[in-house]
Amino acid sequence: MNKRRMLPIIGSLILATATVLAQGCNTTEPPNRQLSDAQVTTKVKAKLASDIGPSSLTNVDVTTTNGVVTLSGQVANEDVKQKVETITASLPGVVRVNNNVQVQSTTPSADTH
């Protein structure tokens, strides 16, 4: 093959390798201790269900991106909201918690009759 044709191929390979290495280095944990986002989400949901109770969490959604867990939805009170965040933050693989959970309003709705 001609050297001129090889340069773009070699350049592309170097760029692809550098990209893969940079993405793989986004954590301080060794590879055997890193958890995928799906695994983190599953562990968070299981731990919350066992520690708080599934009925308290029916309206809570959990998503994980690069170890950052985002909690959203509604819970009955501020105590449950705080517990959800504390439990989530304590789990392996969780880098940070974005607690977007809302506390359900206990104010009765106005009667319009």
PDB file of N, CA and C in Angstrom:
ATOM      1  N   MET A   1       0.835  -1.171   0.000  1.00  0.00           N
ATOM      2  CA  MET A   1       0.000   0.000   0.000  1.00  0.00           C
ATOM      3  C   MET A   1       0.885   1.241   0.000  1.00  0.00           C
ATOM      4  N   ASN A   2       0.423   2.302  -0.606  1.00  0.00           N
ATOM      5  CA  ASN A   2       1.139   3.555  -0.694  1.00  0.00           C
ATOM      6  C   ASN A   2       1.178   4.234   0.675  1.00  0.00           C
ATOM      7  N   LYS A   3       2.320   4.856   1.004  1.00  0.00           N
ATOM      8  CA  LYS A   3       2.477   5.521   2.302  1.00  0.00           C
ATOM      9  C   LYS A   3       1.458   6.647   2.482  1.00  0.00           C
ATOM     10  N   ARG A   4       1.135   7.333   1.410  1.00  0.00           N
ATOM     11  CA  ARG A   4       0.167   8.435   1.497  1.00  0.00           C
ATOM     12  C   ARG A   4      -1.222   7.916   1.872  1.00  0.00           C
ATOM     13  N   ARG A   5      -1.558   6.738   1.430  1.00  0.00           N
ATOM     14  CA  ARG A   5      -2.861   6.161   1.766  1.00  0.00           C
ATOM     15  C   ARG A   5      -2.881   5.656   3.209  1.00  0.00           C
ATOM     16  N   MET A   6      -1.755   5.286   3.724  1.00  0.00           N
ATOM     17  CA  MET A   6      -1.669   4.738   5.076  1.00  0.00           C
ATOM     18  C   MET A   6      -1.778   5.818   6.149  1.00  0.00           C
ATOM     19  N   LEU A   7      -1.329   7.043   5.875  1.00  0.00           N
ATOM     20  CA  LEU A   7      -1.346   8.093   6.881  1.00  0.00           C
ATOM     21  C   LEU A   7      -2.738   8.373   7.445  1.00  0.00           C
ATOM     22  N   PRO A   8      -3.766   8.537   6.620  1.00  0.00           N
ATOM     23  CA  PRO A   8      -5.094   8.772   7.202  1.00  0.00           C
ATOM     24  C   PRO A   8      -5.593   7.579   8.032  1.00  0.00           C
ATOM     25  N   ILE A   9      -5.267   6.384   7.617  1.00  0.00           N
ATOM     26  CA  ILE A   9      -5.694   5.183   8.353  1.00  0.00           C
ATOM     27  C   ILE A   9      -4.999   5.130   9.706  1.00  0.00           C
ATOM     28  N   ILE A  10      -3.708   5.376   9.722  1.00  0.00           N
ATOM     29  CA  ILE A  10      -2.949   5.366  10.972  1.00  0.00           C
ATOM     30  C   ILE A  10      -3.445   6.483  11.897  1.00  0.00           C
ATOM     31  N   GLY A  11      -3.681   7.657  11.329  1.00  0.00           N
ATOM     32  CA  GLY A  11      -4.202   8.774  12.123  1.00  0.00           C
ATOM     33  C   GLY A  11      -5.551   8.443  12.740  1.00  0.00           C
ATOM     34  N   SER A  12      -6.421   7.799  11.973  1.00  0.00           N
ATOM     35  CA  SER A  12      -7.736   7.408  12.481  1.00  0.00           C
ATOM     36  C   SER A  12      -7.616   6.391  13.603  1.00  0.00           C
ATOM     37  N   LEU A  13      -6.706   5.439  13.455  1.00  0.00           N
ATOM     38  CA  LEU A  13      -6.499   4.433  14.495  1.00  0.00           C
ATOM     39  C   LEU A  13      -5.976   5.066  15.782  1.00  0.00           C
ATOM     40  N   ILE A  14      -5.060   6.002  15.651  1.00  0.00           N
ATOM     41  CA  ILE A  14      -4.516   6.686  16.833  1.00  0.00           C
ATOM     42  C   ILE A  14      -5.621   7.478  17.530  1.00  0.00           C
ATOM     43  N   LEU A  15      -6.427   8.190  16.765  1.00  0.00           N
ATOM     44  CA  LEU A  15      -7.521   8.970  17.334  1.00  0.00           C
ATOM     45  C   LEU A  15      -8.545   8.059  18.021  1.00  0.00           C
ATOM     46  N   ALA A  16      -8.888   6.949  17.397  1.00  0.00           N
ATOM     47  CA  ALA A  16      -9.853   6.018  17.982  1.00  0.00           C
ATOM     48  C   ALA A  16      -9.311   5.428  19.281  1.00  0.00           C
ATOM     49  N   THR A  17      -8.045   5.063  19.293  1.00  0.00           N
ATOM     50  CA  THR A  17      -7.424   4.512  20.495  1.00  0.00           C
ATOM     51  C   THR A  17      -7.408   5.537  21.613  1.00  0.00           C
ATOM     52  N   ALA A  18      -7.040   6.768  21.309  1.00  0.00           N
ATOM     53  CA  ALA A  18      -7.006   7.820  22.323  1.00  0.00           C
ATOM     54  C   ALA A  18      -8.396   8.073  22.888  1.00  0.00           C
ATOM     55  N   THR A  19      -9.420   8.040  22.036  1.00  0.00           N
ATOM     56  CA  THR A  19     -10.792   8.253  22.485  1.00  0.00           C
ATOM     57  C   THR A  19     -11.229   7.154  23.435  1.00  0.00           C
ATOM     58  N   VAL A  20     -10.957   5.910  23.087  1.00  0.00           N
ATOM     59  CA  VAL A  20     -11.326   4.780  23.946  1.00  0.00           C
ATOM     60  C   VAL A  20     -10.604   4.864  25.282  1.00  0.00           C
ATOM     61  N   LEU A  21      -9.326   5.170  25.268  1.00  0.00           N
ATOM     62  CA  LEU A  21      -8.564   5.273  26.511  1.00  0.00           C
ATOM     63  C   LEU A  21      -9.068   6.416  27.383  1.00  0.00           C
ATOM     64  N   ALA A  22      -9.405   7.539  26.781  1.00  0.00           N
ATOM     65  CA  ALA A  22      -9.901   8.684  27.555  1.00  0.00           C
ATOM     66  C   ALA A  22     -11.241   8.363  28.207  1.00  0.00           C
ATOM     67  N   GLN A  23     -12.127   7.660  27.509  1.00  0.00           N
ATOM     68  CA  GLN A  23     -13.421   7.300  28.068  1.00  0.00           C
ATOM     69  C   GLN A  23     -13.278   6.279  29.179  1.00  0.00           C
ATOM     70  N   GLY A  24     -12.319   5.405  29.068  1.00  0.00           N
ATOM     71  CA  GLY A  24     -12.105   4.382  30.082  1.00  0.00           C
ATOM     72  C   GLY A  24     -11.462   4.924  31.342  1.00  0.00           C
ATOM     73  N   CYS A  25     -10.975   6.130  31.319  1.00  0.00           N
ATOM     74  CA  CYS A  25     -10.267   6.715  32.461  1.00  0.00           C
ATOM     75  C   CYS A  25     -11.094   7.753  33.186  1.00  0.00           C
ATOM     76  N   ASN A  26     -12.420   7.592  33.207  1.00  0.00           N
ATOM     77  CA  ASN A  26     -13.256   8.593  33.841  1.00  0.00           C
ATOM     78  C   ASN A  26     -13.600   8.243  35.284  1.00  0.00           C
ATOM     79  N   THR A  27     -12.867   7.363  35.892  1.00  0.00           N
ATOM     80  CA  THR A  27     -13.120   6.975  37.275  1.00  0.00           C
ATOM     81  C   THR A  27     -11.814   6.702  37.991  1.00  0.00           C
ATOM     82  N   THR A  28     -11.847   6.759  39.302  1.00  0.00           N
ATOM     83  CA  THR A  28     -10.647   6.477  40.074  1.00  0.00           C
ATOM     84  C   THR A  28     -10.628   5.031  40.576  1.00  0.00           C
ATOM     85  N   GLU A  29     -11.712   4.285  40.328  1.00  0.00           N
ATOM     86  CA  GLU A  29     -11.765   2.902  40.771  1.00  0.00           C
ATOM     87  C   GLU A  29     -11.124   1.986  39.737  1.00  0.00           C
ATOM     88  N   PRO A  30     -10.500   0.897  40.207  1.00  0.00           N
ATOM     89  CA  PRO A  30      -9.920  -0.053  39.255  1.00  0.00           C
ATOM     90  C   PRO A  30     -11.024  -0.719  38.433  1.00  0.00           C
ATOM     91  N   PRO A  31     -10.701  -1.192  37.227  1.00  0.00           N
ATOM     92  CA  PRO A  31     -11.712  -1.761  36.333  1.00  0.00           C
ATOM     93  C   PRO A  31     -12.557  -2.874  36.968  1.00  0.00           C
ATOM     94  N   ASN A  32     -11.961  -3.689  37.815  1.00  0.00           N
ATOM     95  CA  ASN A  32     -12.731  -4.795  38.392  1.00  0.00           C
ATOM     96  C   ASN A  32     -13.740  -4.320  39.432  1.00  0.00           C
ATOM     97  N   ARG A  33     -13.677  -3.050  39.863  1.00  0.00           N
ATOM     98  CA  ARG A  33     -14.619  -2.523  40.851  1.00  0.00           C
ATOM     99  C   ARG A  33     -15.619  -1.562  40.236  1.00  0.00           C
ATOM    100  N   GLN A  34     -15.447  -1.253  38.965  1.00  0.00           N
ATOM    101  CA  GLN A  34     -16.359  -0.339  38.300  1.00  0.00           C
ATOM    102  C   GLN A  34     -17.668  -1.064  37.990  1.00  0.00           C
ATOM    103  N   LEU A  35     -18.771  -0.357  38.155  1.00  0.00           N
ATOM    104  CA  LEU A  35     -20.074  -0.917  37.845  1.00  0.00           C
ATOM    105  C   LEU A  35     -20.671  -0.165  36.667  1.00  0.00           C
ATOM    106  N   SER A  36     -21.398  -0.891  35.846  1.00  0.00           N
ATOM    107  CA  SER A  36     -22.076  -0.206  34.743  1.00  0.00           C
ATOM    108  C   SER A  36     -23.232   0.605  35.302  1.00  0.00           C
ATOM    109  N   ASP A  37     -23.688   1.566  34.535  1.00  0.00           N
ATOM    110  CA  ASP A  37     -24.803   2.397  34.965  1.00  0.00           C
ATOM    111  C   ASP A  37     -26.050   1.560  35.242  1.00  0.00           C
ATOM    112  N   ALA A  38     -26.290   0.550  34.413  1.00  0.00           N
ATOM    113  CA  ALA A  38     -27.454  -0.315  34.622  1.00  0.00           C
ATOM    114  C   ALA A  38     -27.337  -1.073  35.943  1.00  0.00           C
ATOM    115  N   GLN A  39     -26.140  -1.535  36.268  1.00  0.00           N
ATOM    116  CA  GLN A  39     -25.933  -2.237  37.536  1.00  0.00           C
ATOM    117  C   GLN A  39     -26.148  -1.295  38.716  1.00  0.00           C
ATOM    118  N   VAL A  40     -25.664  -0.071  38.608  1.00  0.00           N
ATOM    119  CA  VAL A  40     -25.840   0.908  39.685  1.00  0.00           C
ATOM    120  C   VAL A  40     -27.329   1.170  39.890  1.00  0.00           C
ATOM    121  N   THR A  41     -28.059   1.402  38.803  1.00  0.00           N
ATOM    122  CA  THR A  41     -29.495   1.651  38.897  1.00  0.00           C
ATOM    123  C   THR A  41     -30.207   0.492  39.578  1.00  0.00           C
ATOM    124  N   THR A  42     -29.866  -0.730  39.192  1.00  0.00           N
ATOM    125  CA  THR A  42     -30.484  -1.916  39.784  1.00  0.00           C
ATOM    126  C   THR A  42     -30.185  -2.010  41.269  1.00  0.00           C
ATOM    127  N   LYS A  43     -28.934  -1.760  41.644  1.00  0.00           N
ATOM    128  CA  LYS A  43     -28.562  -1.812  43.065  1.00  0.00           C
ATOM    129  C   LYS A  43     -29.278  -0.734  43.877  1.00  0.00           C
ATOM    130  N   VAL A  44     -29.393   0.461  43.311  1.00  0.00           N
ATOM    131  CA  VAL A  44     -30.087   1.549  44.010  1.00  0.00           C
ATOM    132  C   VAL A  44     -31.552   1.169  44.238  1.00  0.00           C
ATOM    133  N   LYS A  45     -32.226   0.709  43.188  1.00  0.00           N
ATOM    134  CA  LYS A  45     -33.637   0.353  43.310  1.00  0.00           C
ATOM    135  C   LYS A  45     -33.845  -0.759  44.340  1.00  0.00           C
ATOM    136  N   ALA A  46     -32.986  -1.765  44.309  1.00  0.00           N
ATOM    137  CA  ALA A  46     -33.115  -2.885  45.252  1.00  0.00           C
ATOM    138  C   ALA A  46     -32.888  -2.434  46.693  1.00  0.00           C
ATOM    139  N   LYS A  47     -31.885  -1.608  46.900  1.00  0.00           N
ATOM    140  CA  LYS A  47     -31.567  -1.145  48.253  1.00  0.00           C
ATOM    141  C   LYS A  47     -32.677  -0.237  48.786  1.00  0.00           C
ATOM    142  N   LEU A  48     -33.178   0.642  47.957  1.00  0.00           N
ATOM    143  CA  LEU A  48     -34.259   1.518  48.384  1.00  0.00           C
ATOM    144  C   LEU A  48     -35.511   0.709  48.723  1.00  0.00           C
ATOM    145  N   ALA A  49     -35.822  -0.283  47.897  1.00  0.00           N
ATOM    146  CA  ALA A  49     -36.997  -1.110  48.150  1.00  0.00           C
ATOM    147  C   ALA A  49     -36.863  -1.883  49.458  1.00  0.00           C
ATOM    148  N   SER A  50     -35.662  -2.381  49.740  1.00  0.00           N
ATOM    149  CA  SER A  50     -35.476  -3.164  50.966  1.00  0.00           C
ATOM    150  C   SER A  50     -35.397  -2.290  52.211  1.00  0.00           C
ATOM    151  N   ASP A  51     -34.806  -1.104  52.099  1.00  0.00           N
ATOM    152  CA  ASP A  51     -34.617  -0.249  53.280  1.00  0.00           C
ATOM    153  C   ASP A  51     -35.801   0.681  53.572  1.00  0.00           C
ATOM    154  N   ILE A  52     -36.492   1.119  52.537  1.00  0.00           N
ATOM    155  CA  ILE A  52     -37.586   2.070  52.730  1.00  0.00           C
ATOM    156  C   ILE A  52     -38.936   1.394  52.510  1.00  0.00           C
ATOM    157  N   GLY A  53     -38.970   0.449  51.617  1.00  0.00           N
ATOM    158  CA  GLY A  53     -40.217  -0.253  51.311  1.00  0.00           C
ATOM    159  C   GLY A  53     -40.730   0.129  49.945  1.00  0.00           C
ATOM    160  N   PRO A  54     -41.113  -0.858  49.161  1.00  0.00           N
ATOM    161  CA  PRO A  54     -41.549  -0.577  47.791  1.00  0.00           C
ATOM    162  C   PRO A  54     -42.773   0.331  47.712  1.00  0.00           C
ATOM    163  N   SER A  55     -43.678   0.260  48.682  1.00  0.00           N
ATOM    164  CA  SER A  55     -44.889   1.090  48.616  1.00  0.00           C
ATOM    165  C   SER A  55     -44.567   2.583  48.749  1.00  0.00           C
ATOM    166  N   SER A  56     -43.470   2.909  49.432  1.00  0.00           N
ATOM    167  CA  SER A  56     -43.068   4.309  49.580  1.00  0.00           C
ATOM    168  C   SER A  56     -42.385   4.843  48.335  1.00  0.00           C
ATOM    169  N   LEU A  57     -42.006   3.947  47.435  1.00  0.00           N
ATOM    170  CA  LEU A  57     -41.200   4.343  46.280  1.00  0.00           C
ATOM    171  C   LEU A  57     -41.888   4.116  44.942  1.00  0.00           C
ATOM    172  N   THR A  58     -43.193   3.905  44.950  1.00  0.00           N
ATOM    173  CA  THR A  58     -43.874   3.613  43.690  1.00  0.00           C
ATOM    174  C   THR A  58     -43.764   4.750  42.680  1.00  0.00           C
ATOM    175  N   ASN A  59     -43.570   5.961  43.137  1.00  0.00           N
ATOM    176  CA  ASN A  59     -43.486   7.116  42.234  1.00  0.00           C
ATOM    177  C   ASN A  59     -42.073   7.662  42.106  1.00  0.00           C
ATOM    178  N   VAL A  60     -41.056   6.866  42.432  1.00  0.00           N
ATOM    179  CA  VAL A  60     -39.672   7.323  42.353  1.00  0.00           C
ATOM    180  C   VAL A  60     -38.973   6.634  41.182  1.00  0.00           C
ATOM    181  N   ASP A  61     -38.361   7.447  40.330  1.00  0.00           N
ATOM    182  CA  ASP A  61     -37.593   6.925  39.196  1.00  0.00           C
ATOM    183  C   ASP A  61     -36.106   7.099  39.482  1.00  0.00           C
ATOM    184  N   VAL A  62     -35.316   6.123  39.045  1.00  0.00           N
ATOM    185  CA  VAL A  62     -33.867   6.141  39.231  1.00  0.00           C
ATOM    186  C   VAL A  62     -33.206   5.988  37.870  1.00  0.00           C
ATOM    187  N   THR A  63     -32.312   6.925  37.523  1.00  0.00           N
ATOM    188  CA  THR A  63     -31.511   6.795  36.310  1.00  0.00           C
ATOM    189  C   THR A  63     -30.057   7.068  36.662  1.00  0.00           C
ATOM    190  N   THR A  64     -29.156   6.422  35.933  1.00  0.00           N
ATOM    191  CA  THR A  64     -27.728   6.578  36.194  1.00  0.00           C
ATOM    192  C   THR A  64     -26.996   6.852  34.892  1.00  0.00           C
ATOM    193  N   THR A  65     -26.138   7.865  34.914  1.00  0.00           N
ATOM    194  CA  THR A  65     -25.288   8.188  33.773  1.00  0.00           C
ATOM    195  C   THR A  65     -23.890   8.468  34.296  1.00  0.00           C
ATOM    196  N   ASN A  66     -22.924   7.652  33.889  1.00  0.00           N
ATOM    197  CA  ASN A  66     -21.533   7.792  34.326  1.00  0.00           C
ATOM    198  C   ASN A  66     -21.414   7.810  35.849  1.00  0.00           C
ATOM    199  N   GLY A  67     -22.233   7.012  36.515  1.00  0.00           N
ATOM    200  CA  GLY A  67     -22.181   6.924  37.971  1.00  0.00           C
ATOM    201  C   GLY A  67     -22.951   8.000  38.705  1.00  0.00           C
ATOM    202  N   VAL A  68     -23.506   8.974  37.966  1.00  0.00           N
ATOM    203  CA  VAL A  68     -24.317  10.027  38.579  1.00  0.00           C
ATOM    204  C   VAL A  68     -25.769   9.551  38.580  1.00  0.00           C
ATOM    205  N   VAL A  69     -26.316   9.379  39.774  1.00  0.00           N
ATOM    206  CA  VAL A  69     -27.675   8.873  39.919  1.00  0.00           C
ATOM    207  C   VAL A  69     -28.633  10.052  40.061  1.00  0.00           C
ATOM    208  N   THR A  70     -29.669  10.054  39.235  1.00  0.00           N
ATOM    209  CA  THR A  70     -30.705  11.068  39.324  1.00  0.00           C
ATOM    210  C   THR A  70     -31.979  10.416  39.832  1.00  0.00           C
ATOM    211  N   LEU A  71     -32.490  10.962  40.924  1.00  0.00           N
ATOM    212  CA  LEU A  71     -33.728  10.494  41.530  1.00  0.00           C
ATOM    213  C   LEU A  71     -34.817  11.505  41.196  1.00  0.00           C
ATOM    214  N   SER A  72     -35.973  11.036  40.769  1.00  0.00           N
ATOM    215  CA  SER A  72     -37.089  11.933  40.471  1.00  0.00           C
ATOM    216  C   SER A  72     -38.388  11.251  40.857  1.00  0.00           C
ATOM    217  N   GLY A  73     -39.438  12.043  40.936  1.00  0.00           N
ATOM    218  CA  GLY A  73     -40.738  11.520  41.317  1.00  0.00           C
ATOM    219  C   GLY A  73     -41.227  12.154  42.599  1.00  0.00           C
ATOM    220  N   GLN A  74     -42.128  11.438  43.303  1.00  0.00           N
ATOM    221  CA  GLN A  74     -42.715  11.980  44.518  1.00  0.00           C
ATOM    222  C   GLN A  74     -42.653  10.974  45.661  1.00  0.00           C
ATOM    223  N   VAL A  75     -42.491  11.510  46.862  1.00  0.00           N
ATOM    224  CA  VAL A  75     -42.539  10.706  48.087  1.00  0.00           C
ATOM    225  C   VAL A  75     -43.477  11.398  49.070  1.00  0.00           C
ATOM    226  N   ALA A  76     -43.824  10.695  50.128  1.00  0.00           N
ATOM    227  CA  ALA A  76     -44.821  11.181  51.078  1.00  0.00           C
ATOM    228  C   ALA A  76     -44.338  12.344  51.938  1.00  0.00           C
ATOM    229  N   ASN A  77     -43.043  12.348  52.311  1.00  0.00           N
ATOM    230  CA  ASN A  77     -42.577  13.411  53.213  1.00  0.00           C
ATOM    231  C   ASN A  77     -41.078  13.663  53.039  1.00  0.00           C
ATOM    232  N   GLU A  78     -40.612  14.705  53.693  1.00  0.00           N
ATOM    233  CA  GLU A  78     -39.206  15.135  53.590  1.00  0.00           C
ATOM    234  C   GLU A  78     -38.261  14.073  54.145  1.00  0.00           C
ATOM    235  N   ASP A  79     -38.683  13.347  55.170  1.00  0.00           N
ATOM    236  CA  ASP A  79     -37.859  12.295  55.766  1.00  0.00           C
ATOM    237  C   ASP A  79     -37.538  11.199  54.751  1.00  0.00           C
ATOM    238  N   VAL A  80     -38.542  10.772  54.004  1.00  0.00           N
ATOM    239  CA  VAL A  80     -38.337   9.747  52.971  1.00  0.00           C
ATOM    240  C   VAL A  80     -37.429  10.288  51.870  1.00  0.00           C
ATOM    241  N   LYS A  81     -37.625  11.525  51.481  1.00  0.00           N
ATOM    242  CA  LYS A  81     -36.774  12.139  50.450  1.00  0.00           C
ATOM    243  C   LYS A  81     -35.310  12.111  50.885  1.00  0.00           C
ATOM    244  N   GLN A  82     -35.055  12.473  52.131  1.00  0.00           N
ATOM    245  CA  GLN A  82     -33.678  12.504  52.644  1.00  0.00           C
ATOM    246  C   GLN A  82     -33.095  11.098  52.736  1.00  0.00           C
ATOM    247  N   LYS A  83     -33.891  10.128  53.177  1.00  0.00           N
ATOM    248  CA  LYS A  83     -33.432   8.736  53.275  1.00  0.00           C
ATOM    249  C   LYS A  83     -33.065   8.185  51.902  1.00  0.00           C
ATOM    250  N   VAL A  84     -33.887   8.495  50.906  1.00  0.00           N
ATOM    251  CA  VAL A  84     -33.628   8.035  49.542  1.00  0.00           C
ATOM    252  C   VAL A  84     -32.265   8.529  49.073  1.00  0.00           C
ATOM    253  N   GLU A  85     -31.975   9.793  49.321  1.00  0.00           N
ATOM    254  CA  GLU A  85     -30.695  10.363  48.906  1.00  0.00           C
ATOM    255  C   GLU A  85     -29.528   9.752  49.677  1.00  0.00           C
ATOM    256  N   THR A  86     -29.665   9.625  50.991  1.00  0.00           N
ATOM    257  CA  THR A  86     -28.589   9.092  51.830  1.00  0.00           C
ATOM    258  C   THR A  86     -28.253   7.651  51.463  1.00  0.00           C
ATOM    259  N   ILE A  87     -29.277   6.833  51.289  1.00  0.00           N
ATOM    260  CA  ILE A  87     -29.063   5.431  50.924  1.00  0.00           C
ATOM    261  C   ILE A  87     -28.390   5.338  49.564  1.00  0.00           C
ATOM    262  N   THR A  88     -28.891   6.109  48.601  1.00  0.00           N
ATOM    263  CA  THR A  88     -28.323   6.083  47.246  1.00  0.00           C
ATOM    264  C   THR A  88     -26.853   6.478  47.256  1.00  0.00           C
ATOM    265  N   ALA A  89     -26.508   7.547  47.965  1.00  0.00           N
ATOM    266  CA  ALA A  89     -25.129   8.040  48.000  1.00  0.00           C
ATOM    267  C   ALA A  89     -24.172   7.039  48.629  1.00  0.00           C
ATOM    268  N   SER A  90     -24.681   6.148  49.484  1.00  0.00           N
ATOM    269  CA  SER A  90     -23.810   5.199  50.184  1.00  0.00           C
ATOM    270  C   SER A  90     -23.443   3.968  49.359  1.00  0.00           C
ATOM    271  N   LEU A  91     -24.051   3.802  48.207  1.00  0.00           N
ATOM    272  CA  LEU A  91     -23.838   2.585  47.426  1.00  0.00           C
ATOM    273  C   LEU A  91     -22.597   2.669  46.536  1.00  0.00           C
ATOM    274  N   PRO A  92     -21.924   1.524  46.353  1.00  0.00           N
ATOM    275  CA  PRO A  92     -20.749   1.503  45.478  1.00  0.00           C
ATOM    276  C   PRO A  92     -21.136   1.819  44.029  1.00  0.00           C
ATOM    277  N   GLY A  93     -20.285   2.570  43.374  1.00  0.00           N
ATOM    278  CA  GLY A  93     -20.520   2.932  41.984  1.00  0.00           C
ATOM    279  C   GLY A  93     -21.243   4.257  41.820  1.00  0.00           C
ATOM    280  N   VAL A  94     -21.794   4.798  42.914  1.00  0.00           N
ATOM    281  CA  VAL A  94     -22.496   6.078  42.852  1.00  0.00           C
ATOM    282  C   VAL A  94     -21.467   7.190  43.036  1.00  0.00           C
ATOM    283  N   VAL A  95     -21.328   8.024  42.028  1.00  0.00           N
ATOM    284  CA  VAL A  95     -20.379   9.129  42.050  1.00  0.00           C
ATOM    285  C   VAL A  95     -21.004  10.360  42.697  1.00  0.00           C
ATOM    286  N   ARG A  96     -22.273  10.617  42.347  1.00  0.00           N
ATOM    287  CA  ARG A  96     -22.996  11.776  42.869  1.00  0.00           C
ATOM    288  C   ARG A  96     -24.491  11.484  42.760  1.00  0.00           C
ATOM    289  N   VAL A  97     -25.283  12.172  43.588  1.00  0.00           N
ATOM    290  CA  VAL A  97     -26.738  12.001  43.559  1.00  0.00           C
ATOM    291  C   VAL A  97     -27.388  13.342  43.253  1.00  0.00           C
ATOM    292  N   ASN A  98     -28.245  13.355  42.245  1.00  0.00           N
ATOM    293  CA  ASN A  98     -29.095  14.513  41.949  1.00  0.00           C
ATOM    294  C   ASN A  98     -30.479  14.143  42.469  1.00  0.00           C
ATOM    295  N   ASN A  99     -30.852  14.732  43.596  1.00  0.00           N
ATOM    296  CA  ASN A  99     -32.127  14.392  44.204  1.00  0.00           C
ATOM    297  C   ASN A  99     -33.199  15.382  43.747  1.00  0.00           C
ATOM    298  N   ASN A 100     -33.946  14.982  42.727  1.00  0.00           N
ATOM    299  CA  ASN A 100     -35.030  15.800  42.195  1.00  0.00           C
ATOM    300  C   ASN A 100     -36.389  15.319  42.685  1.00  0.00           C
ATOM    301  N   VAL A 101     -36.389  14.537  43.742  1.00  0.00           N
ATOM    302  CA  VAL A 101     -37.624  14.001  44.300  1.00  0.00           C
ATOM    303  C   VAL A 101     -38.416  15.142  44.942  1.00  0.00           C
ATOM    304  N   GLN A 102     -39.717  15.137  44.725  1.00  0.00           N
ATOM    305  CA  GLN A 102     -40.612  16.142  45.285  1.00  0.00           C
ATOM    306  C   GLN A 102     -41.418  15.519  46.426  1.00  0.00           C
ATOM    307  N   VAL A 103     -41.717  16.314  47.438  1.00  0.00           N
ATOM    308  CA  VAL A 103     -42.562  15.860  48.538  1.00  0.00           C
ATOM    309  C   VAL A 103     -44.005  16.177  48.169  1.00  0.00           C
ATOM    310  N   GLN A 104     -44.867  15.162  48.301  1.00  0.00           N
ATOM    311  CA  GLN A 104     -46.282  15.354  47.972  1.00  0.00           C
ATOM    312  C   GLN A 104     -46.897  16.405  48.883  1.00  0.00           C
ATOM    313  N   SER A 105     -47.702  17.222  48.298  1.00  0.00           N
ATOM    314  CA  SER A 105     -48.374  18.272  49.054  1.00  0.00           C
ATOM    315  C   SER A 105     -49.441  17.649  49.948  1.00  0.00           C
ATOM    316  N   THR A 106     -49.484  18.084  51.208  1.00  0.00           N
ATOM    317  CA  THR A 106     -50.495  17.583  52.124  1.00  0.00           C
ATOM    318  C   THR A 106     -51.627  18.575  52.288  1.00  0.00           C
ATOM    319  N   THR A 107     -51.565  19.687  51.550  1.00  0.00           N
ATOM    320  CA  THR A 107     -52.598  20.704  51.626  1.00  0.00           C
ATOM    321  C   THR A 107     -53.828  20.212  50.872  1.00  0.00           C
ATOM    322  N   PRO A 108     -54.982  20.196  51.515  1.00  0.00           N
ATOM    323  CA  PRO A 108     -56.177  19.746  50.807  1.00  0.00           C
ATOM    324  C   PRO A 108     -56.515  20.728  49.683  1.00  0.00           C
ATOM    325  N   SER A 109     -57.024  20.181  48.589  1.00  0.00           N
ATOM    326  CA  SER A 109     -57.365  21.043  47.467  1.00  0.00           C
ATOM    327  C   SER A 109     -58.618  21.846  47.810  1.00  0.00           C
ATOM    328  N   ALA A 110     -58.690  23.026  47.256  1.00  0.00           N
ATOM    329  CA  ALA A 110     -59.825  23.919  47.527  1.00  0.00           C
ATOM    330  C   ALA A 110     -61.084  23.357  46.879  1.00  0.00           C
ATOM    331  N   ASP A 111     -62.164  23.446  47.579  1.00  0.00           N
ATOM    332  CA  ASP A 111     -63.442  22.966  47.040  1.00  0.00           C
ATOM    333  C   ASP A 111     -64.025  24.082  46.182  1.00  0.00           C
ATOM    334  N   THR A 112     -64.307  23.773  44.951  1.00  0.00           N
ATOM    335  CA  THR A 112     -64.788  24.791  44.007  1.00  0.00           C
ATOM    336  C   THR A 112     -66.303  24.793  43.870  1.00  0.00           C
ATOM    337  N   HIS A 113     -67.022  24.100  44.722  1.00  0.00           N
ATOM    338  CA  HIS A 113     -68.485  24.053  44.610  1.00  0.00           C
ATOM    339  C   HIS A 113     -69.090  25.290  45.153  1.00  0.00           C
TER     340      HIS A 113
END
